[in-house]
Amino acid sequence: MKGPELKTDGTGNILLNPVTGWTMAPVAEIAVLLAIEYAPYPAGLETGERQSLQFVLTPPKALELAEALTRQAKRLLESPPTGVARQ
């Protein structure tokens, strides 16, 4: 299955929006609400500008997302690039 097409700028660079926080809550005891807060552009980290998106996930999708994020984070932490500090 092919993933979604990534958004790019006019020169082909992938647009990145730094995540600054999130909120989760159960919805009617059948789903998970996930609100992700982000800076709409990298300089937004300094200006404090934030936006958010809200998602609803079934419990299986929430677990799938958690496992995929954990897998990627562990992979990166286990073999960091030379000269790059992790926070």
Protein backbone atom coordinates (compact mmCIF):
# COMPACT_ATOMS: atom_id res chain seq x y z
CA MET A 1 0.00 0.00 0.00
CA LYS A 2 1.40 3.37 -1.01
CA GLY A 3 1.43 6.11 1.64
CA PRO A 4 0.09 9.62 1.19
CA GLU A 5 1.94 12.02 -1.06
CA LEU A 6 4.13 14.32 1.04
CA LYS A 7 3.64 18.09 0.74
CA THR A 8 6.63 19.96 -0.67
CA ASP A 9 7.64 23.55 -1.28
CA GLY A 10 8.36 25.05 -4.69
CA THR A 11 11.86 23.54 -4.76
CA GLY A 12 10.76 20.02 -3.82
CA ASN A 13 11.79 20.10 -0.14
CA ILE A 14 9.40 18.26 2.17
CA LEU A 15 7.44 20.69 4.37
CA LEU A 16 7.95 19.97 8.07
CA ASN A 17 5.80 21.27 10.94
CA PRO A 18 7.40 20.73 14.38
CA VAL A 19 5.04 19.08 16.87
CA THR A 20 4.87 21.09 20.10
CA GLY A 21 2.33 19.08 22.07
CA TRP A 22 -0.70 16.86 22.05
CA THR A 23 -3.81 15.98 24.01
CA MET A 24 -5.61 12.66 24.16
CA ALA A 25 -8.97 11.70 25.62
CA PRO A 26 -11.49 8.89 25.29
CA VAL A 27 -14.56 9.62 23.16
CA ALA A 28 -17.78 7.95 24.30
CA GLU A 29 -15.63 5.06 25.59
CA ILE A 30 -15.29 3.74 22.00
CA ALA A 31 -12.53 5.85 20.44
CA VAL A 32 -9.54 8.06 21.21
CA LEU A 33 -9.43 11.79 20.49
CA LEU A 34 -5.93 12.93 19.53
CA ALA A 35 -5.26 16.65 19.11
CA ILE A 36 -1.76 17.46 17.84
CA GLU A 37 -0.41 20.98 18.31
CA TYR A 38 2.28 22.16 15.92
CA ALA A 39 4.18 25.19 14.71
CA PRO A 40 2.87 26.01 11.22
CA TYR A 41 6.44 26.75 10.09
CA PRO A 42 9.85 26.33 11.79
CA ALA A 43 10.09 30.02 12.80
CA GLY A 44 6.79 29.54 14.61
CA LEU A 45 8.76 27.80 17.35
CA GLU A 46 10.32 31.17 18.22
CA THR A 47 7.22 33.33 17.70
CA GLY A 48 4.97 30.95 19.64
CA GLU A 49 2.49 30.58 16.78
CA ARG A 50 0.63 27.29 17.06
CA GLN A 51 -2.09 25.43 15.21
CA SER A 52 -3.71 22.08 15.92
CA LEU A 53 -5.43 19.20 14.19
CA GLN A 54 -7.90 16.84 15.82
CA PHE A 55 -8.23 13.17 14.98
CA VAL A 56 -10.40 10.32 16.19
CA LEU A 57 -8.88 6.85 16.27
CA THR A 58 -10.37 3.45 16.98
CA PRO A 59 -8.53 1.63 19.78
CA PRO A 60 -6.77 -0.69 17.27
CA LYS A 61 -5.62 2.32 15.18
CA ALA A 62 -4.39 4.09 18.34
CA LEU A 63 -2.32 1.01 19.24
CA GLU A 64 -1.02 0.71 15.68
CA LEU A 65 0.08 4.37 15.69
CA ALA A 66 1.71 4.02 19.13
CA GLU A 67 3.62 0.92 18.02
CA ALA A 68 4.79 2.51 14.76
CA LEU A 69 5.98 5.67 16.54
CA THR A 70 7.76 3.59 19.20
CA ARG A 71 9.46 1.44 16.55
CA GLN A 72 10.75 4.48 14.63
CA ALA A 73 11.90 6.32 17.76
CA LYS A 74 13.77 3.26 19.07
CA ARG A 75 15.45 2.74 15.70
CA LEU A 76 16.65 6.36 15.66
CA LEU A 77 17.81 6.30 19.29
CA GLU A 78 19.71 3.04 18.82
CA SER A 79 21.75 4.34 15.89
CA PRO A 80 22.00 8.15 16.00
CA PRO A 81 23.94 9.85 13.20
CA THR A 82 27.48 10.88 14.13
CA GLY A 83 27.67 14.36 15.66
CA VAL A 84 23.92 14.72 16.26
CA ALA A 85 22.71 15.27 19.82
CA ARG A 86 19.32 13.85 20.86
CA GLN A 87 17.09 15.79 23.23
